Amino acid sequence: MSSPMEIREITGEHEKAAVLAMSGDLDLLAAPELYQRGAHAVEERHNLILDLSAVTFCDSSGFNALIRLRRRAEEAGGRLVLAAPPEQVVRLLALSGAQVLFPTTETLDEARARVAAPSPG
């Protein structure tokens, strides 16, 4: 049975990145909302952190939304960081070869520090 996705913004006032925390399944039903909310956040802050610690499942639609948001952040001069992705998402990134595209951190605090640091290169 599918677990409905909840997305909430937890961005601090002085943060360099918008922060969206998700829980539930990142699937065909949830991916459009994630993309829409993420794209709006990128327009405002350029950098986006997705806290995936409570995501229970990610299918190809969710993966596609992540790829599109990464491109959107780069086009805005920012970056997308995945915080605390569950093992299933880590495996999906590795199997697809996309782990090199997504900076990931073990915690949300590490993701915030990573975005605050100057971009490499």
PDB file of N, CA and C in Angstrom:
ATOM      1  N   MET A   1       0.833  -1.182   0.000  1.00  0.00           N
ATOM      2  CA  MET A   1       0.000   0.000   0.000  1.00  0.00           C
ATOM      3  C   MET A   1       0.881   1.250   0.000  1.00  0.00           C
ATOM      4  N   SER A   2       0.499   2.189  -0.788  1.00  0.00           N
ATOM      5  CA  SER A   2       1.254   3.423  -0.940  1.00  0.00           C
ATOM      6  C   SER A   2       1.077   4.333   0.273  1.00  0.00           C
ATOM      7  N   SER A   3       2.163   4.992   0.621  1.00  0.00           N
ATOM      8  CA  SER A   3       2.142   5.947   1.723  1.00  0.00           C
ATOM      9  C   SER A   3       2.147   7.352   1.129  1.00  0.00           C
ATOM     10  N   PRO A   4       1.067   8.135   1.316  1.00  0.00           N
ATOM     11  CA  PRO A   4       0.987   9.439   0.670  1.00  0.00           C
ATOM     12  C   PRO A   4       2.151  10.353   1.067  1.00  0.00           C
ATOM     13  N   MET A   5       2.651  11.075   0.088  1.00  0.00           N
ATOM     14  CA  MET A   5       3.775  11.995   0.296  1.00  0.00           C
ATOM     15  C   MET A   5       3.277  13.266   0.959  1.00  0.00           C
ATOM     16  N   GLU A   6       4.025  13.702   1.949  1.00  0.00           N
ATOM     17  CA  GLU A   6       3.825  15.022   2.545  1.00  0.00           C
ATOM     18  C   GLU A   6       5.089  15.815   2.301  1.00  0.00           C
ATOM     19  N   ILE A   7       4.932  17.065   1.893  1.00  0.00           N
ATOM     20  CA  ILE A   7       6.072  17.938   1.650  1.00  0.00           C
ATOM     21  C   ILE A   7       5.863  19.190   2.481  1.00  0.00           C
ATOM     22  N   ARG A   8       6.873  19.529   3.257  1.00  0.00           N
ATOM     23  CA  ARG A   8       6.775  20.775   4.033  1.00  0.00           C
ATOM     24  C   ARG A   8       8.072  21.553   3.895  1.00  0.00           C
ATOM     25  N   GLU A   9       7.928  22.855   3.864  1.00  0.00           N
ATOM     26  CA  GLU A   9       9.112  23.706   3.770  1.00  0.00           C
ATOM     27  C   GLU A   9       9.597  24.013   5.174  1.00  0.00           C
ATOM     28  N   ILE A  10      10.908  23.868   5.383  1.00  0.00           N
ATOM     29  CA  ILE A  10      11.505  24.156   6.693  1.00  0.00           C
ATOM     30  C   ILE A  10      12.695  25.098   6.532  1.00  0.00           C
ATOM     31  N   THR A  11      12.565  26.021   5.610  1.00  0.00           N
ATOM     32  CA  THR A  11      13.636  26.957   5.312  1.00  0.00           C
ATOM     33  C   THR A  11      13.733  28.020   6.396  1.00  0.00           C
ATOM     34  N   GLY A  12      14.930  28.220   6.907  1.00  0.00           N
ATOM     35  CA  GLY A  12      15.178  29.299   7.851  1.00  0.00           C
ATOM     36  C   GLY A  12      15.287  30.621   7.109  1.00  0.00           C
ATOM     37  N   GLU A  13      15.022  31.695   7.790  1.00  0.00           N
ATOM     38  CA  GLU A  13      14.989  33.025   7.172  1.00  0.00           C
ATOM     39  C   GLU A  13      16.297  33.413   6.492  1.00  0.00           C
ATOM     40  N   HIS A  14      17.429  33.059   7.072  1.00  0.00           N
ATOM     41  CA  HIS A  14      18.722  33.493   6.544  1.00  0.00           C
ATOM     42  C   HIS A  14      19.483  32.382   5.817  1.00  0.00           C
ATOM     43  N   GLU A  15      18.799  31.307   5.473  1.00  0.00           N
ATOM     44  CA  GLU A  15      19.465  30.205   4.790  1.00  0.00           C
ATOM     45  C   GLU A  15      19.735  30.528   3.332  1.00  0.00           C
ATOM     46  N   LYS A  16      20.807  29.946   2.810  1.00  0.00           N
ATOM     47  CA  LYS A  16      21.159  30.120   1.399  1.00  0.00           C
ATOM     48  C   LYS A  16      20.376  29.169   0.509  1.00  0.00           C
ATOM     49  N   ALA A  17      19.671  28.233   1.098  1.00  0.00           N
ATOM     50  CA  ALA A  17      18.928  27.238   0.325  1.00  0.00           C
ATOM     51  C   ALA A  17      17.512  27.110   0.848  1.00  0.00           C
ATOM     52  N   ALA A  18      16.613  26.800  -0.062  1.00  0.00           N
ATOM     53  CA  ALA A  18      15.278  26.389   0.345  1.00  0.00           C
ATOM     54  C   ALA A  18      15.397  24.940   0.816  1.00  0.00           C
ATOM     55  N   VAL A  19      14.653  24.592   1.852  1.00  0.00           N
ATOM     56  CA  VAL A  19      14.695  23.240   2.393  1.00  0.00           C
ATOM     57  C   VAL A  19      13.279  22.666   2.370  1.00  0.00           C
ATOM     58  N   LEU A  20      13.138  21.554   1.662  1.00  0.00           N
ATOM     59  CA  LEU A  20      11.874  20.835   1.635  1.00  0.00           C
ATOM     60  C   LEU A  20      12.080  19.475   2.285  1.00  0.00           C
ATOM     61  N   ALA A  21      11.253  19.158   3.269  1.00  0.00           N
ATOM     62  CA  ALA A  21      11.296  17.857   3.928  1.00  0.00           C
ATOM     63  C   ALA A  21      10.114  17.036   3.441  1.00  0.00           C
ATOM     64  N   MET A  22      10.394  15.794   3.089  1.00  0.00           N
ATOM     65  CA  MET A  22       9.356  14.928   2.555  1.00  0.00           C
ATOM     66  C   MET A  22       9.208  13.690   3.417  1.00  0.00           C
ATOM     67  N   SER A  23       7.989  13.162   3.413  1.00  0.00           N
ATOM     68  CA  SER A  23       7.747  11.878   4.066  1.00  0.00           C
ATOM     69  C   SER A  23       6.755  11.107   3.212  1.00  0.00           C
ATOM     70  N   GLY A  24       6.901   9.787   3.218  1.00  0.00           N
ATOM     71  CA  GLY A  24       6.015   8.940   2.419  1.00  0.00           C
ATOM     72  C   GLY A  24       6.673   8.514   1.124  1.00  0.00           C
ATOM     73  N   ASP A  25       5.841   8.161   0.145  1.00  0.00           N
ATOM     74  CA  ASP A  25       6.323   7.631  -1.123  1.00  0.00           C
ATOM     75  C   ASP A  25       6.506   8.738  -2.155  1.00  0.00           C
ATOM     76  N   LEU A  26       7.677   8.755  -2.754  1.00  0.00           N
ATOM     77  CA  LEU A  26       7.972   9.677  -3.852  1.00  0.00           C
ATOM     78  C   LEU A  26       7.700   8.901  -5.138  1.00  0.00           C
ATOM     79  N   ASP A  27       6.446   8.967  -5.587  1.00  0.00           N
ATOM     80  CA  ASP A  27       6.003   8.145  -6.701  1.00  0.00           C
ATOM     81  C   ASP A  27       5.254   8.976  -7.731  1.00  0.00           C
ATOM     82  N   LEU A  28       4.574   8.306  -8.635  1.00  0.00           N
ATOM     83  CA  LEU A  28       3.843   8.952  -9.719  1.00  0.00           C
ATOM     84  C   LEU A  28       2.864  10.008  -9.207  1.00  0.00           C
ATOM     85  N   LEU A  29       2.264   9.764  -8.073  1.00  0.00           N
ATOM     86  CA  LEU A  29       1.303  10.714  -7.518  1.00  0.00           C
ATOM     87  C   LEU A  29       1.973  11.923  -6.875  1.00  0.00           C
ATOM     88  N   ALA A  30       3.124  11.722  -6.264  1.00  0.00           N
ATOM     89  CA  ALA A  30       3.797  12.788  -5.513  1.00  0.00           C
ATOM     90  C   ALA A  30       4.796  13.591  -6.343  1.00  0.00           C
ATOM     91  N   ALA A  31       5.369  12.985  -7.369  1.00  0.00           N
ATOM     92  CA  ALA A  31       6.442  13.627  -8.137  1.00  0.00           C
ATOM     93  C   ALA A  31       6.054  14.993  -8.722  1.00  0.00           C
ATOM     94  N   PRO A  32       4.860  15.152  -9.302  1.00  0.00           N
ATOM     95  CA  PRO A  32       4.519  16.475  -9.849  1.00  0.00           C
ATOM     96  C   PRO A  32       4.501  17.583  -8.791  1.00  0.00           C
ATOM     97  N   GLU A  33       3.976  17.280  -7.607  1.00  0.00           N
ATOM     98  CA  GLU A  33       3.947  18.288  -6.546  1.00  0.00           C
ATOM     99  C   GLU A  33       5.362  18.614  -6.067  1.00  0.00           C
ATOM    100  N   LEU A  34       6.197  17.575  -5.921  1.00  0.00           N
ATOM    101  CA  LEU A  34       7.575  17.818  -5.524  1.00  0.00           C
ATOM    102  C   LEU A  34       8.260  18.724  -6.546  1.00  0.00           C
ATOM    103  N   TYR A  35       8.103  18.405  -7.813  1.00  0.00           N
ATOM    104  CA  TYR A  35       8.759  19.212  -8.838  1.00  0.00           C
ATOM    105  C   TYR A  35       8.246  20.653  -8.804  1.00  0.00           C
ATOM    106  N   GLN A  36       6.952  20.832  -8.716  1.00  0.00           N
ATOM    107  CA  GLN A  36       6.381  22.186  -8.705  1.00  0.00           C
ATOM    108  C   GLN A  36       6.869  22.985  -7.499  1.00  0.00           C
ATOM    109  N   ARG A  37       6.816  22.399  -6.332  1.00  0.00           N
ATOM    110  CA  ARG A  37       7.258  23.111  -5.127  1.00  0.00           C
ATOM    111  C   ARG A  37       8.761  23.336  -5.132  1.00  0.00           C
ATOM    112  N   GLY A  38       9.519  22.356  -5.610  1.00  0.00           N
ATOM    113  CA  GLY A  38      10.965  22.508  -5.700  1.00  0.00           C
ATOM    114  C   GLY A  38      11.370  23.574  -6.703  1.00  0.00           C
ATOM    115  N   ALA A  39      10.705  23.605  -7.855  1.00  0.00           N
ATOM    116  CA  ALA A  39      11.020  24.605  -8.879  1.00  0.00           C
ATOM    117  C   ALA A  39      10.723  26.010  -8.360  1.00  0.00           C
ATOM    118  N   HIS A  40       9.625  26.158  -7.647  1.00  0.00           N
ATOM    119  CA  HIS A  40       9.287  27.461  -7.054  1.00  0.00           C
ATOM    120  C   HIS A  40      10.351  27.871  -6.030  1.00  0.00           C
ATOM    121  N   ALA A  41      10.792  26.924  -5.220  1.00  0.00           N
ATOM    122  CA  ALA A  41      11.818  27.206  -4.216  1.00  0.00           C
ATOM    123  C   ALA A  41      13.136  27.614  -4.867  1.00  0.00           C
ATOM    124  N   VAL A  42      13.490  26.958  -5.974  1.00  0.00           N
ATOM    125  CA  VAL A  42      14.730  27.279  -6.691  1.00  0.00           C
ATOM    126  C   VAL A  42      14.654  28.695  -7.269  1.00  0.00           C
ATOM    127  N   GLU A  43      13.488  29.097  -7.738  1.00  0.00           N
ATOM    128  CA  GLU A  43      13.330  30.461  -8.253  1.00  0.00           C
ATOM    129  C   GLU A  43      13.642  31.495  -7.176  1.00  0.00           C
ATOM    130  N   GLU A  44      13.275  31.192  -5.940  1.00  0.00           N
ATOM    131  CA  GLU A  44      13.466  32.139  -4.847  1.00  0.00           C
ATOM    132  C   GLU A  44      14.884  32.109  -4.263  1.00  0.00           C
ATOM    133  N   ARG A  45      15.475  30.922  -4.100  1.00  0.00           N
ATOM    134  CA  ARG A  45      16.754  30.808  -3.383  1.00  0.00           C
ATOM    135  C   ARG A  45      17.894  30.228  -4.222  1.00  0.00           C
ATOM    136  N   HIS A  46      17.606  29.690  -5.390  1.00  0.00           N
ATOM    137  CA  HIS A  46      18.580  29.058  -6.296  1.00  0.00           C
ATOM    138  C   HIS A  46      19.086  27.713  -5.794  1.00  0.00           C
ATOM    139  N   ASN A  47      19.379  27.588  -4.517  1.00  0.00           N
ATOM    140  CA  ASN A  47      19.833  26.321  -3.937  1.00  0.00           C
ATOM    141  C   ASN A  47      18.651  25.619  -3.288  1.00  0.00           C
ATOM    142  N   LEU A  48      18.665  24.285  -3.378  1.00  0.00           N
ATOM    143  CA  LEU A  48      17.576  23.497  -2.812  1.00  0.00           C
ATOM    144  C   LEU A  48      18.146  22.300  -2.075  1.00  0.00           C
ATOM    145  N   ILE A  49      17.670  22.094  -0.859  1.00  0.00           N
ATOM    146  CA  ILE A  49      17.988  20.890  -0.092  1.00  0.00           C
ATOM    147  C   ILE A  49      16.698  20.095   0.044  1.00  0.00           C
ATOM    148  N   LEU A  50      16.776  18.821  -0.297  1.00  0.00           N
ATOM    149  CA  LEU A  50      15.642  17.924  -0.100  1.00  0.00           C
ATOM    150  C   LEU A  50      15.989  16.977   1.034  1.00  0.00           C
ATOM    151  N   ASP A  51      15.256  17.077   2.138  1.00  0.00           N
ATOM    152  CA  ASP A  51      15.428  16.180   3.270  1.00  0.00           C
ATOM    153  C   ASP A  51      14.602  14.930   2.971  1.00  0.00           C
ATOM    154  N   LEU A  52      15.281  13.848   2.637  1.00  0.00           N
ATOM    155  CA  LEU A  52      14.625  12.606   2.245  1.00  0.00           C
ATOM    156  C   LEU A  52      14.576  11.578   3.364  1.00  0.00           C
ATOM    157  N   SER A  53      14.911  11.976   4.569  1.00  0.00           N
ATOM    158  CA  SER A  53      15.044  11.031   5.681  1.00  0.00           C
ATOM    159  C   SER A  53      13.769  10.234   5.952  1.00  0.00           C
ATOM    160  N   ALA A  54      12.613  10.774   5.640  1.00  0.00           N
ATOM    161  CA  ALA A  54      11.357  10.073   5.913  1.00  0.00           C
ATOM    162  C   ALA A  54      10.688   9.543   4.638  1.00  0.00           C
ATOM    163  N   VAL A  55      11.425   9.520   3.531  1.00  0.00           N
ATOM    164  CA  VAL A  55      10.892   8.951   2.289  1.00  0.00           C
ATOM    165  C   VAL A  55      10.969   7.431   2.397  1.00  0.00           C
ATOM    166  N   THR A  56       9.858   6.763   2.100  1.00  0.00           N
ATOM    167  CA  THR A  56       9.790   5.316   2.242  1.00  0.00           C
ATOM    168  C   THR A  56       9.962   4.572   0.928  1.00  0.00           C
ATOM    169  N   PHE A  57       9.806   5.270  -0.207  1.00  0.00           N
ATOM    170  CA  PHE A  57       9.883   4.627  -1.517  1.00  0.00           C
ATOM    171  C   PHE A  57      10.083   5.702  -2.567  1.00  0.00           C
ATOM    172  N   CYS A  58      10.826   5.371  -3.618  1.00  0.00           N
ATOM    173  CA  CYS A  58      11.009   6.285  -4.748  1.00  0.00           C
ATOM    174  C   CYS A  58      10.957   5.473  -6.026  1.00  0.00           C
ATOM    175  N   ASP A  59      10.034   5.822  -6.930  1.00  0.00           N
ATOM    176  CA  ASP A  59       9.964   5.125  -8.207  1.00  0.00           C
ATOM    177  C   ASP A  59      10.584   5.995  -9.305  1.00  0.00           C
ATOM    178  N   SER A  60      10.437   5.576 -10.550  1.00  0.00           N
ATOM    179  CA  SER A  60      11.061   6.293 -11.655  1.00  0.00           C
ATOM    180  C   SER A  60      10.506   7.710 -11.822  1.00  0.00           C
ATOM    181  N   SER A  61       9.257   7.925 -11.466  1.00  0.00           N
ATOM    182  CA  SER A  61       8.672   9.273 -11.540  1.00  0.00           C
ATOM    183  C   SER A  61       9.333  10.190 -10.520  1.00  0.00           C
ATOM    184  N   GLY A  62       9.559   9.684  -9.317  1.00  0.00           N
ATOM    185  CA  GLY A  62      10.248  10.461  -8.293  1.00  0.00           C
ATOM    186  C   GLY A  62      11.681  10.741  -8.690  1.00  0.00           C
ATOM    187  N   PHE A  63      12.342   9.720  -9.248  1.00  0.00           N
ATOM    188  CA  PHE A  63      13.716   9.884  -9.719  1.00  0.00           C
ATOM    189  C   PHE A  63      13.778  10.955 -10.810  1.00  0.00           C
ATOM    190  N   ASN A  64      12.834  10.924 -11.730  1.00  0.00           N
ATOM    191  CA  ASN A  64      12.770  11.924 -12.790  1.00  0.00           C
ATOM    192  C   ASN A  64      12.588  13.326 -12.212  1.00  0.00           C
ATOM    193  N   ALA A  65      11.753  13.471 -11.191  1.00  0.00           N
ATOM    194  CA  ALA A  65      11.564  14.778 -10.554  1.00  0.00           C
ATOM    195  C   ALA A  65      12.867  15.272  -9.942  1.00  0.00           C
ATOM    196  N   LEU A  66      13.643  14.376  -9.336  1.00  0.00           N
ATOM    197  CA  LEU A  66      14.938  14.759  -8.767  1.00  0.00           C
ATOM    198  C   LEU A  66      15.899  15.238  -9.857  1.00  0.00           C
ATOM    199  N   ILE A  67      15.954  14.510 -10.962  1.00  0.00           N
ATOM    200  CA  ILE A  67      16.831  14.890 -12.079  1.00  0.00           C
ATOM    201  C   ILE A  67      16.428  16.269 -12.621  1.00  0.00           C
ATOM    202  N   ARG A  68      15.135  16.475 -12.814  1.00  0.00           N
ATOM    203  CA  ARG A  68      14.651  17.761 -13.345  1.00  0.00           C
ATOM    204  C   ARG A  68      14.920  18.907 -12.378  1.00  0.00           C
ATOM    205  N   LEU A  69      14.771  18.673 -11.075  1.00  0.00           N
ATOM    206  CA  LEU A  69      15.050  19.720 -10.090  1.00  0.00           C
ATOM    207  C   LEU A  69      16.543  20.045 -10.034  1.00  0.00           C
ATOM    208  N   ARG A  70      17.375  19.037 -10.195  1.00  0.00           N
ATOM    209  CA  ARG A  70      18.819  19.286 -10.237  1.00  0.00           C
ATOM    210  C   ARG A  70      19.162  20.203 -11.404  1.00  0.00           C
ATOM    211  N   ARG A  71      18.606  19.902 -12.565  1.00  0.00           N
ATOM    212  CA  ARG A  71      18.854  20.739 -13.743  1.00  0.00           C
ATOM    213  C   ARG A  71      18.324  22.167 -13.521  1.00  0.00           C
ATOM    214  N   ARG A  72      17.161  22.266 -12.934  1.00  0.00           N
ATOM    215  CA  ARG A  72      16.558  23.575 -12.667  1.00  0.00           C
ATOM    216  C   ARG A  72      17.433  24.398 -11.722  1.00  0.00           C
ATOM    217  N   ALA A  73      17.966  23.759 -10.678  1.00  0.00           N
ATOM    218  CA  ALA A  73      18.850  24.454  -9.735  1.00  0.00           C
ATOM    219  C   ALA A  73      20.125  24.908 -10.431  1.00  0.00           C
ATOM    220  N   GLU A  74      20.711  24.056 -11.247  1.00  0.00           N
ATOM    221  CA  GLU A  74      21.928  24.437 -11.970  1.00  0.00           C
ATOM    222  C   GLU A  74      21.674  25.595 -12.913  1.00  0.00           C
ATOM    223  N   GLU A  75      20.548  25.575 -13.613  1.00  0.00           N
ATOM    224  CA  GLU A  75      20.205  26.673 -14.524  1.00  0.00           C
ATOM    225  C   GLU A  75      20.042  27.990 -13.777  1.00  0.00           C
ATOM    226  N   ALA A  76      19.645  27.914 -12.501  1.00  0.00           N
ATOM    227  CA  ALA A  76      19.464  29.112 -11.675  1.00  0.00           C
ATOM    228  C   ALA A  76      20.773  29.530 -11.008  1.00  0.00           C
ATOM    229  N   GLY A  77      21.851  28.790 -11.264  1.00  0.00           N
ATOM    230  CA  GLY A  77      23.129  29.110 -10.647  1.00  0.00           C
ATOM    231  C   GLY A  77      23.296  28.527  -9.264  1.00  0.00           C
ATOM    232  N   GLY A  78      22.444  27.578  -8.911  1.00  0.00           N
ATOM    233  CA  GLY A  78      22.498  26.962  -7.591  1.00  0.00           C
ATOM    234  C   GLY A  78      22.788  25.480  -7.686  1.00  0.00           C
ATOM    235  N   ARG A  79      22.444  24.784  -6.621  1.00  0.00           N
ATOM    236  CA  ARG A  79      22.639  23.342  -6.603  1.00  0.00           C
ATOM    237  C   ARG A  79      21.565  22.675  -5.759  1.00  0.00           C
ATOM    238  N   LEU A  80      21.419  21.388  -6.001  1.00  0.00           N
ATOM    239  CA  LEU A  80      20.482  20.550  -5.264  1.00  0.00           C
ATOM    240  C   LEU A  80      21.294  19.576  -4.426  1.00  0.00           C
ATOM    241  N   VAL A  81      20.991  19.505  -3.132  1.00  0.00           N
ATOM    242  CA  VAL A  81      21.652  18.566  -2.229  1.00  0.00           C
ATOM    243  C   VAL A  81      20.580  17.669  -1.618  1.00  0.00           C
ATOM    244  N   LEU A  82      20.853  16.370  -1.600  1.00  0.00           N
ATOM    245  CA  LEU A  82      19.941  15.407  -0.991  1.00  0.00           C
ATOM    246  C   LEU A  82      20.431  15.095   0.419  1.00  0.00           C
ATOM    247  N   ALA A  83      19.591  15.361   1.400  1.00  0.00           N
ATOM    248  CA  ALA A  83      19.942  15.115   2.795  1.00  0.00           C
ATOM    249  C   ALA A  83      19.309  13.816   3.267  1.00  0.00           C
ATOM    250  N   ALA A  84      20.128  12.966   3.858  1.00  0.00           N
ATOM    251  CA  ALA A  84      19.682  11.724   4.502  1.00  0.00           C
ATOM    252  C   ALA A  84      18.809  10.849   3.607  1.00  0.00           C
ATOM    253  N   PRO A  85      19.259  10.590   2.371  1.00  0.00           N
ATOM    254  CA  PRO A  85      18.434   9.720   1.524  1.00  0.00           C
ATOM    255  C   PRO A  85      18.409   8.301   2.090  1.00  0.00           C
ATOM    256  N   PRO A  86      17.249   7.645   2.051  1.00  0.00           N
ATOM    257  CA  PRO A  86      17.178   6.270   2.533  1.00  0.00           C
ATOM    258  C   PRO A  86      17.945   5.329   1.601  1.00  0.00           C
ATOM    259  N   GLU A  87      18.246   4.151   2.092  1.00  0.00           N
ATOM    260  CA  GLU A  87      19.034   3.180   1.342  1.00  0.00           C
ATOM    261  C   GLU A  87      18.437   2.892  -0.037  1.00  0.00           C
ATOM    262  N   GLN A  88      17.132   2.808  -0.141  1.00  0.00           N
ATOM    263  CA  GLN A  88      16.497   2.524  -1.436  1.00  0.00           C
ATOM    264  C   GLN A  88      16.818   3.614  -2.450  1.00  0.00           C
ATOM    265  N   VAL A  89      16.830   4.866  -2.030  1.00  0.00           N
ATOM    266  CA  VAL A  89      17.162   5.975  -2.939  1.00  0.00           C
ATOM    267  C   VAL A  89      18.642   5.945  -3.284  1.00  0.00           C
ATOM    268  N   VAL A  90      19.488   5.646  -2.306  1.00  0.00           N
ATOM    269  CA  VAL A  90      20.929   5.541  -2.564  1.00  0.00           C
ATOM    270  C   VAL A  90      21.195   4.450  -3.600  1.00  0.00           C
ATOM    271  N   ARG A  91      20.521   3.304  -3.468  1.00  0.00           N
ATOM    272  CA  ARG A  91      20.676   2.214  -4.444  1.00  0.00           C
ATOM    273  C   ARG A  91      20.198   2.638  -5.826  1.00  0.00           C
ATOM    274  N   LEU A  92      19.071   3.327  -5.892  1.00  0.00           N
ATOM    275  CA  LEU A  92      18.539   3.804  -7.173  1.00  0.00           C
ATOM    276  C   LEU A  92      19.538   4.735  -7.852  1.00  0.00           C
ATOM    277  N   LEU A  93      20.128   5.652  -7.089  1.00  0.00           N
ATOM    278  CA  LEU A  93      21.131   6.563  -7.653  1.00  0.00           C
ATOM    279  C   LEU A  93      22.354   5.786  -8.147  1.00  0.00           C
ATOM    280  N   ALA A  94      22.792   4.809  -7.364  1.00  0.00           N
ATOM    281  CA  ALA A  94      23.971   4.031  -7.747  1.00  0.00           C
ATOM    282  C   ALA A  94      23.709   3.181  -8.987  1.00  0.00           C
ATOM    283  N   LEU A  95      22.574   2.507  -9.025  1.00  0.00           N
ATOM    284  CA  LEU A  95      22.253   1.646 -10.163  1.00  0.00           C
ATOM    285  C   LEU A  95      22.105   2.424 -11.462  1.00  0.00           C
ATOM    286  N   SER A  96      21.638   3.660 -11.361  1.00  0.00           N
ATOM    287  CA  SER A  96      21.431   4.487 -12.555  1.00  0.00           C
ATOM    288  C   SER A  96      22.685   5.271 -12.935  1.00  0.00           C
ATOM    289  N   GLY A  97      23.691   5.251 -12.052  1.00  0.00           N
ATOM    290  CA  GLY A  97      24.896   6.046 -12.292  1.00  0.00           C
ATOM    291  C   GLY A  97      24.729   7.508 -11.920  1.00  0.00           C
ATOM    292  N   ALA A  98      23.608   7.844 -11.324  1.00  0.00           N
ATOM    293  CA  ALA A  98      23.305   9.245 -11.014  1.00  0.00           C
ATOM    294  C   ALA A  98      23.894   9.713  -9.687  1.00  0.00           C
ATOM    295  N   GLN A  99      24.557   8.832  -8.942  1.00  0.00           N
ATOM    296  CA  GLN A  99      25.125   9.256  -7.654  1.00  0.00           C
ATOM    297  C   GLN A  99      26.153  10.361  -7.850  1.00  0.00           C
ATOM    298  N   VAL A 100      26.784  10.419  -9.017  1.00  0.00           N
ATOM    299  CA  VAL A 100      27.772  11.476  -9.279  1.00  0.00           C
ATOM    300  C   VAL A 100      27.101  12.828  -9.532  1.00  0.00           C
ATOM    301  N   LEU A 101      25.822  12.824  -9.814  1.00  0.00           N
ATOM    302  CA  LEU A 101      25.093  14.064 -10.093  1.00  0.00           C
ATOM    303  C   LEU A 101      24.577  14.744  -8.836  1.00  0.00           C
ATOM    304  N   PHE A 102      24.379  13.968  -7.778  1.00  0.00           N
ATOM    305  CA  PHE A 102      23.717  14.477  -6.585  1.00  0.00           C
ATOM    306  C   PHE A 102      24.639  14.479  -5.378  1.00  0.00           C
ATOM    307  N   PRO A 103      24.995  15.649  -4.883  1.00  0.00           N
ATOM    308  CA  PRO A 103      25.670  15.667  -3.591  1.00  0.00           C
ATOM    309  C   PRO A 103      24.684  15.146  -2.536  1.00  0.00           C
ATOM    310  N   THR A 104      25.134  14.231  -1.707  1.00  0.00           N
ATOM    311  CA  THR A 104      24.284  13.710  -0.643  1.00  0.00           C
ATOM    312  C   THR A 104      25.007  13.861   0.687  1.00  0.00           C
ATOM    313  N   THR A 105      24.233  14.015   1.730  1.00  0.00           N
ATOM    314  CA  THR A 105      24.775  14.109   3.077  1.00  0.00           C
ATOM    315  C   THR A 105      23.973  13.185   3.985  1.00  0.00           C
ATOM    316  N   GLU A 106      24.556  12.857   5.124  1.00  0.00           N
ATOM    317  CA  GLU A 106      23.873  11.962   6.053  1.00  0.00           C
ATOM    318  C   GLU A 106      22.820  12.681   6.888  1.00  0.00           C
ATOM    319  N   THR A 107      22.972  13.999   7.052  1.00  0.00           N
ATOM    320  CA  THR A 107      22.026  14.754   7.870  1.00  0.00           C
ATOM    321  C   THR A 107      21.641  16.063   7.184  1.00  0.00           C
ATOM    322  N   LEU A 108      20.553  16.632   7.651  1.00  0.00           N
ATOM    323  CA  LEU A 108      20.116  17.930   7.144  1.00  0.00           C
ATOM    324  C   LEU A 108      21.118  19.020   7.519  1.00  0.00           C
ATOM    325  N   ASP A 109      21.677  18.962   8.712  1.00  0.00           N
ATOM    326  CA  ASP A 109      22.674  19.964   9.116  1.00  0.00           C
ATOM    327  C   ASP A 109      23.900  19.934   8.208  1.00  0.00           C
ATOM    328  N   GLU A 110      24.329  18.730   7.825  1.00  0.00           N
ATOM    329  CA  GLU A 110      25.466  18.621   6.894  1.00  0.00           C
ATOM    330  C   GLU A 110      25.111  19.219   5.530  1.00  0.00           C
ATOM    331  N   ALA A 111      23.885  19.020   5.089  1.00  0.00           N
ATOM    332  CA  ALA A 111      23.456  19.590   3.807  1.00  0.00           C
ATOM    333  C   ALA A 111      23.452  21.108   3.868  1.00  0.00           C
ATOM    334  N   ARG A 112      22.962  21.646   4.974  1.00  0.00           N
ATOM    335  CA  ARG A 112      22.968  23.106   5.125  1.00  0.00           C
ATOM    336  C   ARG A 112      24.395  23.655   5.096  1.00  0.00           C
ATOM    337  N   ALA A 113      25.312  22.970   5.769  1.00  0.00           N
ATOM    338  CA  ALA A 113      26.713  23.408   5.769  1.00  0.00           C
ATOM    339  C   ALA A 113      27.323  23.306   4.371  1.00  0.00           C
ATOM    340  N   ARG A 114      26.960  22.276   3.650  1.00  0.00           N
ATOM    341  CA  ARG A 114      27.490  22.078   2.308  1.00  0.00           C
ATOM    342  C   ARG A 114      27.042  23.200   1.364  1.00  0.00           C
ATOM    343  N   VAL A 115      25.795  23.598   1.467  1.00  0.00           N
ATOM    344  CA  VAL A 115      25.286  24.678   0.618  1.00  0.00           C
ATOM    345  C   VAL A 115      25.895  26.010   1.017  1.00  0.00           C
ATOM    346  N   ALA A 116      26.144  26.202   2.300  1.00  0.00           N
ATOM    347  CA  ALA A 116      26.732  27.463   2.772  1.00  0.00           C
ATOM    348  C   ALA A 116      28.184  27.609   2.331  1.00  0.00           C
ATOM    349  N   ALA A 117      28.859  26.473   2.104  1.00  0.00           N
ATOM    350  CA  ALA A 117      30.255  26.509   1.669  1.00  0.00           C
ATOM    351  C   ALA A 117      30.328  26.921   0.200  1.00  0.00           C
ATOM    352  N   PRO A 118      31.441  27.545  -0.195  1.00  0.00           N
ATOM    353  CA  PRO A 118      31.596  27.915  -1.615  1.00  0.00           C
ATOM    354  C   PRO A 118      31.545  26.679  -2.517  1.00  0.00           C
ATOM    355  N   SER A 119      30.998  26.861  -3.718  1.00  0.00           N
ATOM    356  CA  SER A 119      30.937  25.773  -4.689  1.00  0.00           C
ATOM    357  C   SER A 119      32.328  25.378  -5.140  1.00  0.00           C
ATOM    358  N   PRO A 120      32.572  24.073  -5.263  1.00  0.00           N
ATOM    359  CA  PRO A 120      33.873  23.642  -5.803  1.00  0.00           C
ATOM    360  C   PRO A 120      33.964  23.974  -7.281  1.00  0.00           C
ATOM    361  N   GLY A 121      35.138  24.358  -7.704  1.00  0.00           N
ATOM    362  CA  GLY A 121      35.387  24.640  -9.124  1.00  0.00           C
ATOM    363  C   GLY A 121      34.658  25.784  -9.555  1.00  0.00           C
TER     364      GLY A 121
END
